[in-house]
Amino acid sequence: MSNDVYPTTYLPVRVTNGQIYDQIDQDLTDALTKFAAAGATPISLYANKNLAIALQARAHALRGDYVNALTYADQWITTSGLNLASFAN
């Protein structure tokens, strides 16, 4: 708990969207590093490297960085071991 008391007129400094996306990228990169160090086989019930890769693809797509979004999406498709649904399904 914090003992800080702020006046009702206090307005915290806001960060830019770029700083938020930079933090997201750093967190996901750190997660991938930790998942790789653990060396365990991904279990779909828990957060794993496949989730981190998919979230990277999503974050890049949401910010309009479609080149990196495609890169991470392709990486997820080729390394996750999961099958995507087809039109026949």
C-alpha atoms as a PDB file:
ATOM      1  CA  MET A   1       0.000   0.000   0.000  1.00  0.00           C
ATOM      2  CA  SER A   2       1.130   3.483  -0.680  1.00  0.00           C
ATOM      3  CA  ASN A   3       1.204   6.215   1.911  1.00  0.00           C
ATOM      4  CA  ASP A   4       1.203   8.905  -0.765  1.00  0.00           C
ATOM      5  CA  VAL A   5      -1.654  11.361  -0.582  1.00  0.00           C
ATOM      6  CA  TYR A   6      -2.440  13.328  -3.709  1.00  0.00           C
ATOM      7  CA  PRO A   7      -4.601  16.426  -3.900  1.00  0.00           C
ATOM      8  CA  THR A   8      -7.856  16.116  -5.840  1.00  0.00           C
ATOM      9  CA  THR A   9      -6.396  18.379  -8.529  1.00  0.00           C
ATOM     10  CA  TYR A  10      -3.462  16.032  -9.202  1.00  0.00           C
ATOM     11  CA  LEU A  11      -3.209  14.863 -12.806  1.00  0.00           C
ATOM     12  CA  PRO A  12      -0.604  12.164 -13.445  1.00  0.00           C
ATOM     13  CA  VAL A  13       1.617  12.477 -16.483  1.00  0.00           C
ATOM     14  CA  ARG A  14       0.276  10.359 -19.307  1.00  0.00           C
ATOM     15  CA  VAL A  15       2.530   8.252 -21.456  1.00  0.00           C
ATOM     16  CA  THR A  16       2.288   8.020 -25.227  1.00  0.00           C
ATOM     17  CA  ASN A  17       0.841   5.089 -27.119  1.00  0.00           C
ATOM     18  CA  GLY A  18       4.332   4.426 -28.455  1.00  0.00           C
ATOM     19  CA  GLN A  19       5.653   3.985 -24.924  1.00  0.00           C
ATOM     20  CA  ILE A  20       2.827   1.578 -24.109  1.00  0.00           C
ATOM     21  CA  TYR A  21       3.517  -0.512 -27.227  1.00  0.00           C
ATOM     22  CA  ASP A  22       7.239  -0.471 -26.435  1.00  0.00           C
ATOM     23  CA  GLN A  23       6.434  -1.857 -22.974  1.00  0.00           C
ATOM     24  CA  ILE A  24       4.164  -4.527 -24.467  1.00  0.00           C
ATOM     25  CA  ASP A  25       6.938  -5.554 -26.878  1.00  0.00           C
ATOM     26  CA  GLN A  26       9.469  -5.692 -24.050  1.00  0.00           C
ATOM     27  CA  ASP A  27       7.167  -7.750 -21.823  1.00  0.00           C
ATOM     28  CA  LEU A  28       6.431 -10.260 -24.596  1.00  0.00           C
ATOM     29  CA  THR A  29      10.115 -10.509 -25.518  1.00  0.00           C
ATOM     30  CA  ASP A  30      10.953 -11.153 -21.851  1.00  0.00           C
ATOM     31  CA  ALA A  31       8.211 -13.790 -21.697  1.00  0.00           C
ATOM     32  CA  LEU A  32       9.604 -15.580 -24.755  1.00  0.00           C
ATOM     33  CA  THR A  33      13.059 -15.568 -23.188  1.00  0.00           C
ATOM     34  CA  LYS A  34      11.712 -17.078 -19.969  1.00  0.00           C
ATOM     35  CA  PHE A  35       9.658 -19.698 -21.786  1.00  0.00           C
ATOM     36  CA  ALA A  36      12.725 -20.688 -23.823  1.00  0.00           C
ATOM     37  CA  ALA A  37      14.841 -20.929 -20.668  1.00  0.00           C
ATOM     38  CA  ALA A  38      12.246 -23.161 -19.011  1.00  0.00           C
ATOM     39  CA  GLY A  39      12.449 -25.541 -21.966  1.00  0.00           C
ATOM     40  CA  ALA A  40       9.125 -27.156 -21.166  1.00  0.00           C
ATOM     41  CA  THR A  41       6.714 -28.424 -23.779  1.00  0.00           C
ATOM     42  CA  PRO A  42       3.882 -25.880 -24.159  1.00  0.00           C
ATOM     43  CA  ILE A  43       0.610 -26.915 -22.549  1.00  0.00           C
ATOM     44  CA  SER A  44      -2.413 -25.172 -24.024  1.00  0.00           C
ATOM     45  CA  LEU A  45      -4.042 -24.694 -20.614  1.00  0.00           C
ATOM     46  CA  TYR A  46      -1.299 -22.322 -19.464  1.00  0.00           C
ATOM     47  CA  ALA A  47       0.454 -19.274 -20.855  1.00  0.00           C
ATOM     48  CA  ASN A  48       3.295 -20.439 -23.056  1.00  0.00           C
ATOM     49  CA  LYS A  49       5.557 -19.340 -25.894  1.00  0.00           C
ATOM     50  CA  ASN A  50       2.789 -19.831 -28.451  1.00  0.00           C
ATOM     51  CA  LEU A  51       0.575 -17.361 -26.589  1.00  0.00           C
ATOM     52  CA  ALA A  52       3.391 -14.806 -26.435  1.00  0.00           C
ATOM     53  CA  ILE A  53       3.999 -15.128 -30.191  1.00  0.00           C
ATOM     54  CA  ALA A  54       0.274 -14.806 -30.949  1.00  0.00           C
ATOM     55  CA  LEU A  55       0.016 -11.736 -28.707  1.00  0.00           C
ATOM     56  CA  GLN A  56       2.976 -10.166 -30.498  1.00  0.00           C
ATOM     57  CA  ALA A  57       1.211 -10.691 -33.824  1.00  0.00           C
ATOM     58  CA  ARG A  58      -1.966  -9.159 -32.421  1.00  0.00           C
ATOM     59  CA  ALA A  59      -0.195  -6.154 -30.882  1.00  0.00           C
ATOM     60  CA  HIS A  60       1.610  -5.377 -34.143  1.00  0.00           C
ATOM     61  CA  ALA A  61      -1.623  -5.714 -36.119  1.00  0.00           C
ATOM     62  CA  LEU A  62      -3.474  -3.375 -33.749  1.00  0.00           C
ATOM     63  CA  ARG A  63      -0.858  -0.666 -34.175  1.00  0.00           C
ATOM     64  CA  GLY A  64      -0.897  -1.051 -37.967  1.00  0.00           C
ATOM     65  CA  ASP A  65       2.529  -2.712 -38.246  1.00  0.00           C
ATOM     66  CA  TYR A  66       1.289  -5.415 -40.611  1.00  0.00           C
ATOM     67  CA  VAL A  67       4.745  -6.565 -41.734  1.00  0.00           C
ATOM     68  CA  ASN A  68       5.724  -7.637 -38.211  1.00  0.00           C
ATOM     69  CA  ALA A  69       2.185  -8.873 -37.530  1.00  0.00           C
ATOM     70  CA  LEU A  70       2.510 -11.216 -40.510  1.00  0.00           C
ATOM     71  CA  THR A  71       5.960 -12.324 -39.371  1.00  0.00           C
ATOM     72  CA  TYR A  72       4.739 -13.285 -35.889  1.00  0.00           C
ATOM     73  CA  ALA A  73       1.529 -14.832 -37.227  1.00  0.00           C
ATOM     74  CA  ASP A  74       3.527 -16.994 -39.634  1.00  0.00           C
ATOM     75  CA  GLN A  75       5.877 -17.953 -36.808  1.00  0.00           C
ATOM     76  CA  TRP A  76       2.911 -19.015 -34.675  1.00  0.00           C
ATOM     77  CA  ILE A  77       1.377 -21.019 -37.532  1.00  0.00           C
ATOM     78  CA  THR A  78       4.609 -22.891 -38.255  1.00  0.00           C
ATOM     79  CA  THR A  79       5.762 -23.522 -34.673  1.00  0.00           C
ATOM     80  CA  SER A  80       2.632 -23.919 -32.541  1.00  0.00           C
ATOM     81  CA  GLY A  81       1.814 -27.443 -33.700  1.00  0.00           C
ATOM     82  CA  LEU A  82      -1.856 -26.504 -33.882  1.00  0.00           C
ATOM     83  CA  ASN A  83      -3.990 -26.825 -36.976  1.00  0.00           C
ATOM     84  CA  LEU A  84      -6.018 -23.928 -38.279  1.00  0.00           C
ATOM     85  CA  ALA A  85      -9.601 -24.532 -39.357  1.00  0.00           C
ATOM     86  CA  SER A  86     -10.165 -24.856 -43.078  1.00  0.00           C
ATOM     87  CA  PHE A  87     -13.175 -23.854 -45.110  1.00  0.00           C
ATOM     88  CA  ALA A  88     -14.150 -27.536 -45.242  1.00  0.00           C
ATOM     89  CA  ASN A  89     -14.510 -27.580 -41.433  1.00  0.00           C
END
